[in-house]
Amino acid sequence: MEEACSAGIYNITGLTAQYHQSILQAAAGRAPVFLFGAAGTGKEYLARTIYLRSARRSHPFIQIDCNLLSRKTWNYLLGHHSSPLCDTENTLYFQNVNALDDTQWRQLLAFLLEGQTAKHNQLIFSRVEAGDGRISGAAMEFINRLSCFPLCLSSLHADCCLREVVGGKGFRGTPPYSEN
């Protein structure tokens, strides 16, 4: 996985360098990470890079693409004792959480708050957001309730300023969220 990341288009275009400090903070911390940005901004790449820089890099990286979850798979994830959500020391990457409906959002958040998943695993979430710099209310609830480290990714072709949390002291640039 490390070779694929280092040879990837996002590394070549400088995405790793652009977000270097945030990657190190996220990898060293215990807080869940919430990546958001327009399609094609490198969210999956950054999730894998955070994993490779973390203390859990010798444990599994489990990618759960919410676009592909059937009702049966969803029930397995939240209800079966051998679900990866019941394991420990893994990195769980929930990709495309915007594909979850409101009920699933609430169920996942409740599961993570009530159980030990967030305490015993590295959690990374990604969500495709419109390019207007706003985060949905559901995403803000996850960020606030789970104390996530949010990272807004600029599109590769945009000349936007980097919007990220810097040491928990607020956003640099325009805050990428709304309080709707």
C-alpha atoms as a PDB file:
ATOM      1  CA  MET A   1       0.000   0.000   0.000  1.00  0.00           C
ATOM      2  CA  GLU A   2       2.854   2.375   0.809  1.00  0.00           C
ATOM      3  CA  GLU A   3       4.364   2.021  -2.669  1.00  0.00           C
ATOM      4  CA  ALA A   4       1.007   2.720  -4.306  1.00  0.00           C
ATOM      5  CA  CYS A   5       0.604   5.893  -2.230  1.00  0.00           C
ATOM      6  CA  SER A   6       4.083   7.194  -2.925  1.00  0.00           C
ATOM      7  CA  ALA A   7       3.724   6.620  -6.682  1.00  0.00           C
ATOM      8  CA  GLY A   8       0.152   7.954  -6.868  1.00  0.00           C
ATOM      9  CA  ILE A   9      -1.012  11.031  -8.748  1.00  0.00           C
ATOM     10  CA  TYR A  10      -1.840  12.863  -5.518  1.00  0.00           C
ATOM     11  CA  ASN A  11       1.713  12.496  -4.231  1.00  0.00           C
ATOM     12  CA  ILE A  12       3.137  13.557  -7.579  1.00  0.00           C
ATOM     13  CA  THR A  13       0.888  16.648  -7.699  1.00  0.00           C
ATOM     14  CA  GLY A  14       1.968  17.692  -4.207  1.00  0.00           C
ATOM     15  CA  LEU A  15      -1.146  16.828  -2.203  1.00  0.00           C
ATOM     16  CA  THR A  16       0.961  15.097   0.452  1.00  0.00           C
ATOM     17  CA  ALA A  17       3.192  18.147   0.834  1.00  0.00           C
ATOM     18  CA  GLN A  18       0.220  20.526   0.906  1.00  0.00           C
ATOM     19  CA  TYR A  19      -1.398  18.656   3.795  1.00  0.00           C
ATOM     20  CA  HIS A  20       1.808  17.359   5.434  1.00  0.00           C
ATOM     21  CA  GLN A  21       1.266  18.966   8.860  1.00  0.00           C
ATOM     22  CA  SER A  22      -2.390  17.878   8.981  1.00  0.00           C
ATOM     23  CA  ILE A  23      -1.455  14.315   8.002  1.00  0.00           C
ATOM     24  CA  LEU A  24       1.092  14.159  10.825  1.00  0.00           C
ATOM     25  CA  GLN A  25      -1.388  15.607  13.351  1.00  0.00           C
ATOM     26  CA  ALA A  26      -4.137  13.197  12.314  1.00  0.00           C
ATOM     27  CA  ALA A  27      -1.808  10.179  12.310  1.00  0.00           C
ATOM     28  CA  ALA A  28      -0.373  10.988  15.731  1.00  0.00           C
ATOM     29  CA  GLY A  29      -3.709  11.773  17.353  1.00  0.00           C
ATOM     30  CA  ARG A  30      -6.411   9.493  18.668  1.00  0.00           C
ATOM     31  CA  ALA A  31      -9.294  11.613  17.399  1.00  0.00           C
ATOM     32  CA  PRO A  32     -11.350  10.373  14.469  1.00  0.00           C
ATOM     33  CA  VAL A  33     -10.610  12.186  11.204  1.00  0.00           C
ATOM     34  CA  PHE A  34     -13.295  13.611   8.924  1.00  0.00           C
ATOM     35  CA  LEU A  35     -12.184  14.350   5.359  1.00  0.00           C
ATOM     36  CA  PHE A  36     -14.467  16.302   3.091  1.00  0.00           C
ATOM     37  CA  GLY A  37     -14.295  17.981  -0.256  1.00  0.00           C
ATOM     38  CA  ALA A  38     -15.511  17.769  -3.812  1.00  0.00           C
ATOM     39  CA  ALA A  39     -15.198  14.538  -5.796  1.00  0.00           C
ATOM     40  CA  GLY A  40     -11.636  13.849  -6.921  1.00  0.00           C
ATOM     41  CA  THR A  41      -9.849  15.811  -4.187  1.00  0.00           C
ATOM     42  CA  GLY A  42      -7.867  12.842  -2.853  1.00  0.00           C
ATOM     43  CA  LYS A  43      -9.849  11.863   0.236  1.00  0.00           C
ATOM     44  CA  GLU A  44      -9.097   8.134  -0.125  1.00  0.00           C
ATOM     45  CA  TYR A  45      -5.432   8.869  -0.761  1.00  0.00           C
ATOM     46  CA  LEU A  46      -5.177  11.025   2.366  1.00  0.00           C
ATOM     47  CA  ALA A  47      -6.999   8.389   4.449  1.00  0.00           C
ATOM     48  CA  ARG A  48      -4.410   5.803   3.375  1.00  0.00           C
ATOM     49  CA  THR A  49      -1.545   8.238   3.954  1.00  0.00           C
ATOM     50  CA  ILE A  50      -2.785   9.006   7.485  1.00  0.00           C
ATOM     51  CA  TYR A  51      -2.971   5.253   8.126  1.00  0.00           C
ATOM     52  CA  LEU A  52       0.581   4.696   6.817  1.00  0.00           C
ATOM     53  CA  ARG A  53       1.924   7.438   9.112  1.00  0.00           C
ATOM     54  CA  SER A  54       0.044   6.167  12.194  1.00  0.00           C
ATOM     55  CA  ALA A  55       1.050   3.769  14.952  1.00  0.00           C
ATOM     56  CA  ARG A  56      -1.607   1.369  13.616  1.00  0.00           C
ATOM     57  CA  ARG A  57       0.058   0.925  10.217  1.00  0.00           C
ATOM     58  CA  SER A  58       0.956  -2.687  11.085  1.00  0.00           C
ATOM     59  CA  HIS A  59      -2.730  -3.470  11.701  1.00  0.00           C
ATOM     60  CA  PRO A  60      -5.438  -3.785   9.016  1.00  0.00           C
ATOM     61  CA  PHE A  61      -6.795  -0.849   7.040  1.00  0.00           C
ATOM     62  CA  ILE A  62     -10.472  -1.649   6.510  1.00  0.00           C
ATOM     63  CA  GLN A  63     -12.261   0.398   3.883  1.00  0.00           C
ATOM     64  CA  ILE A  64     -16.051   0.520   4.110  1.00  0.00           C
ATOM     65  CA  ASP A  65     -17.541   2.189   1.035  1.00  0.00           C
ATOM     66  CA  CYS A  66     -20.977   3.365   2.114  1.00  0.00           C
ATOM     67  CA  ASN A  67     -22.057   3.555  -1.549  1.00  0.00           C
ATOM     68  CA  LEU A  68     -21.865  -0.249  -1.674  1.00  0.00           C
ATOM     69  CA  LEU A  69     -23.654  -1.143   1.567  1.00  0.00           C
ATOM     70  CA  SER A  70     -26.756  -3.268   1.177  1.00  0.00           C
ATOM     71  CA  ARG A  71     -29.296  -3.585   4.002  1.00  0.00           C
ATOM     72  CA  LYS A  72     -27.825  -7.018   4.830  1.00  0.00           C
ATOM     73  CA  THR A  73     -24.260  -5.660   4.946  1.00  0.00           C
ATOM     74  CA  TRP A  74     -25.381  -2.694   7.040  1.00  0.00           C
ATOM     75  CA  ASN A  75     -27.084  -4.990   9.560  1.00  0.00           C
ATOM     76  CA  TYR A  76     -23.948  -7.160   9.695  1.00  0.00           C
ATOM     77  CA  LEU A  77     -21.711  -4.138  10.365  1.00  0.00           C
ATOM     78  CA  LEU A  78     -23.802  -2.897  13.273  1.00  0.00           C
ATOM     79  CA  GLY A  79     -25.120  -6.166  14.632  1.00  0.00           C
ATOM     80  CA  HIS A  80     -22.707  -9.046  14.216  1.00  0.00           C
ATOM     81  CA  HIS A  81     -19.982  -9.923  16.739  1.00  0.00           C
ATOM     82  CA  SER A  82     -17.423 -10.561  13.959  1.00  0.00           C
ATOM     83  CA  SER A  83     -18.019  -7.183  12.296  1.00  0.00           C
ATOM     84  CA  PRO A  84     -14.859  -5.108  11.811  1.00  0.00           C
ATOM     85  CA  LEU A  85     -16.543  -2.514  14.041  1.00  0.00           C
ATOM     86  CA  CYS A  86     -16.181  -4.945  16.955  1.00  0.00           C
ATOM     87  CA  ASP A  87     -12.459  -5.517  16.388  1.00  0.00           C
ATOM     88  CA  THR A  88      -9.598  -3.466  17.855  1.00  0.00           C
ATOM     89  CA  GLU A  89      -6.454  -1.651  16.715  1.00  0.00           C
ATOM     90  CA  ASN A  90      -7.601  -1.307  13.105  1.00  0.00           C
ATOM     91  CA  THR A  91      -8.029   1.724  10.923  1.00  0.00           C
ATOM     92  CA  LEU A  92     -11.646   1.884   9.778  1.00  0.00           C
ATOM     93  CA  TYR A  93     -12.160   4.119   6.768  1.00  0.00           C
ATOM     94  CA  PHE A  94     -15.811   4.959   6.111  1.00  0.00           C
ATOM     95  CA  GLN A  95     -15.748   6.227   2.547  1.00  0.00           C
ATOM     96  CA  ASN A  96     -18.654   8.198   1.032  1.00  0.00           C
ATOM     97  CA  VAL A  97     -20.635   8.552   4.257  1.00  0.00           C
ATOM     98  CA  ASN A  98     -22.892  10.935   2.334  1.00  0.00           C
ATOM     99  CA  ALA A  99     -24.471   7.761   0.843  1.00  0.00           C
ATOM    100  CA  LEU A 100     -25.998   6.919   4.249  1.00  0.00           C
ATOM    101  CA  ASP A 101     -29.600   7.952   4.824  1.00  0.00           C
ATOM    102  CA  ASP A 102     -30.631   9.873   7.956  1.00  0.00           C
ATOM    103  CA  THR A 103     -31.528   6.700   9.853  1.00  0.00           C
ATOM    104  CA  GLN A 104     -28.170   5.101   9.040  1.00  0.00           C
ATOM    105  CA  TRP A 105     -26.309   8.276  10.083  1.00  0.00           C
ATOM    106  CA  ARG A 106     -28.058   8.203  13.470  1.00  0.00           C
ATOM    107  CA  GLN A 107     -27.506   4.444  13.874  1.00  0.00           C
ATOM    108  CA  LEU A 108     -23.796   4.675  13.066  1.00  0.00           C
ATOM    109  CA  LEU A 109     -23.271   7.671  15.336  1.00  0.00           C
ATOM    110  CA  ALA A 110     -25.123   5.954  18.209  1.00  0.00           C
ATOM    111  CA  PHE A 111     -23.124   2.742  17.683  1.00  0.00           C
ATOM    112  CA  LEU A 112     -19.829   4.634  17.738  1.00  0.00           C
ATOM    113  CA  LEU A 113     -20.768   6.697  20.808  1.00  0.00           C
ATOM    114  CA  GLU A 114     -22.141   3.760  22.810  1.00  0.00           C
ATOM    115  CA  GLY A 115     -19.503   1.175  21.948  1.00  0.00           C
ATOM    116  CA  GLN A 116     -15.748   0.966  22.117  1.00  0.00           C
ATOM    117  CA  THR A 117     -15.116   1.219  18.362  1.00  0.00           C
ATOM    118  CA  ALA A 118     -13.874   4.811  18.438  1.00  0.00           C
ATOM    119  CA  LYS A 119     -11.755   4.173  21.516  1.00  0.00           C
ATOM    120  CA  HIS A 120      -9.980   1.076  20.172  1.00  0.00           C
ATOM    121  CA  ASN A 121      -9.629   1.905  16.457  1.00  0.00           C
ATOM    122  CA  GLN A 122      -8.582   4.794  14.257  1.00  0.00           C
ATOM    123  CA  LEU A 123     -11.699   6.098  12.516  1.00  0.00           C
ATOM    124  CA  ILE A 124     -11.537   8.031   9.276  1.00  0.00           C
ATOM    125  CA  PHE A 125     -14.640   9.302   7.503  1.00  0.00           C
ATOM    126  CA  SER A 126     -14.908  10.902   4.092  1.00  0.00           C
ATOM    127  CA  ARG A 127     -17.785  12.732   2.546  1.00  0.00           C
ATOM    128  CA  VAL A 128     -18.203  14.288  -0.862  1.00  0.00           C
ATOM    129  CA  GLU A 129     -19.377  17.850  -0.385  1.00  0.00           C
ATOM    130  CA  ALA A 130     -20.361  20.438  -2.938  1.00  0.00           C
ATOM    131  CA  GLY A 131     -17.538  22.774  -3.814  1.00  0.00           C
ATOM    132  CA  ASP A 132     -19.155  25.659  -1.911  1.00  0.00           C
ATOM    133  CA  GLY A 133     -17.161  25.052   1.303  1.00  0.00           C
ATOM    134  CA  ARG A 134     -20.191  24.079   3.418  1.00  0.00           C
ATOM    135  CA  ILE A 135     -20.606  20.897   5.436  1.00  0.00           C
ATOM    136  CA  SER A 136     -23.974  19.258   5.976  1.00  0.00           C
ATOM    137  CA  GLY A 137     -25.625  19.246   9.396  1.00  0.00           C
ATOM    138  CA  ALA A 138     -25.172  15.456   9.693  1.00  0.00           C
ATOM    139  CA  ALA A 139     -21.432  15.761   9.062  1.00  0.00           C
ATOM    140  CA  MET A 140     -21.153  18.577  11.620  1.00  0.00           C
ATOM    141  CA  GLU A 141     -22.934  16.403  14.178  1.00  0.00           C
ATOM    142  CA  PHE A 142     -20.360  13.629  13.601  1.00  0.00           C
ATOM    143  CA  ILE A 143     -17.488  16.088  13.862  1.00  0.00           C
ATOM    144  CA  ASN A 144     -18.821  17.625  17.072  1.00  0.00           C
ATOM    145  CA  ARG A 145     -20.105  14.510  18.858  1.00  0.00           C
ATOM    146  CA  LEU A 146     -17.063  12.338  18.043  1.00  0.00           C
ATOM    147  CA  SER A 147     -14.579  15.235  18.393  1.00  0.00           C
ATOM    148  CA  CYS A 148     -13.293  14.600  14.879  1.00  0.00           C
ATOM    149  CA  PHE A 149     -10.293  16.283  13.318  1.00  0.00           C
ATOM    150  CA  PRO A 150     -11.912  17.851  10.208  1.00  0.00           C
ATOM    151  CA  LEU A 151      -9.896  18.381   7.074  1.00  0.00           C
ATOM    152  CA  CYS A 152     -11.321  20.171   4.047  1.00  0.00           C
ATOM    153  CA  LEU A 153      -9.590  19.241   0.808  1.00  0.00           C
ATOM    154  CA  SER A 154      -9.326  21.801  -1.942  1.00  0.00           C
ATOM    155  CA  SER A 155      -9.838  20.573  -5.468  1.00  0.00           C
ATOM    156  CA  LEU A 156      -6.612  19.835  -7.308  1.00  0.00           C
ATOM    157  CA  HIS A 157      -7.375  22.390 -10.024  1.00  0.00           C
ATOM    158  CA  ALA A 158      -8.504  25.218  -7.742  1.00  0.00           C
ATOM    159  CA  ASP A 159      -6.329  28.011  -6.457  1.00  0.00           C
ATOM    160  CA  CYS A 160      -8.173  28.047  -3.146  1.00  0.00           C
ATOM    161  CA  CYS A 161      -6.595  28.561   0.195  1.00  0.00           C
ATOM    162  CA  LEU A 162      -6.144  25.510   2.388  1.00  0.00           C
ATOM    163  CA  ARG A 163      -8.931  25.231   4.928  1.00  0.00           C
ATOM    164  CA  GLU A 164      -8.061  23.052   7.855  1.00  0.00           C
ATOM    165  CA  VAL A 165      -8.055  22.962  11.602  1.00  0.00           C
ATOM    166  CA  VAL A 166      -4.716  24.126  12.910  1.00  0.00           C
ATOM    167  CA  GLY A 167      -3.910  22.776  16.345  1.00  0.00           C
ATOM    168  CA  GLY A 168      -7.549  22.963  17.432  1.00  0.00           C
ATOM    169  CA  LYS A 169      -7.423  26.780  17.306  1.00  0.00           C
ATOM    170  CA  GLY A 170      -9.870  27.239  14.467  1.00  0.00           C
ATOM    171  CA  PHE A 171      -9.959  27.241  10.732  1.00  0.00           C
ATOM    172  CA  ARG A 172      -7.415  28.982   8.571  1.00  0.00           C
ATOM    173  CA  GLY A 173      -9.363  30.667   5.805  1.00  0.00           C
ATOM    174  CA  THR A 174     -13.148  30.597   5.623  1.00  0.00           C
ATOM    175  CA  PRO A 175     -14.767  28.037   7.939  1.00  0.00           C
ATOM    176  CA  PRO A 176     -15.922  25.134   5.719  1.00  0.00           C
ATOM    177  CA  TYR A 177     -19.154  24.516   7.545  1.00  0.00           C
ATOM    178  CA  SER A 178     -22.591  25.876   8.074  1.00  0.00           C
ATOM    179  CA  GLU A 179     -24.588  25.788  11.244  1.00  0.00           C
ATOM    180  CA  ASN A 180     -27.863  24.768   9.601  1.00  0.00           C
END
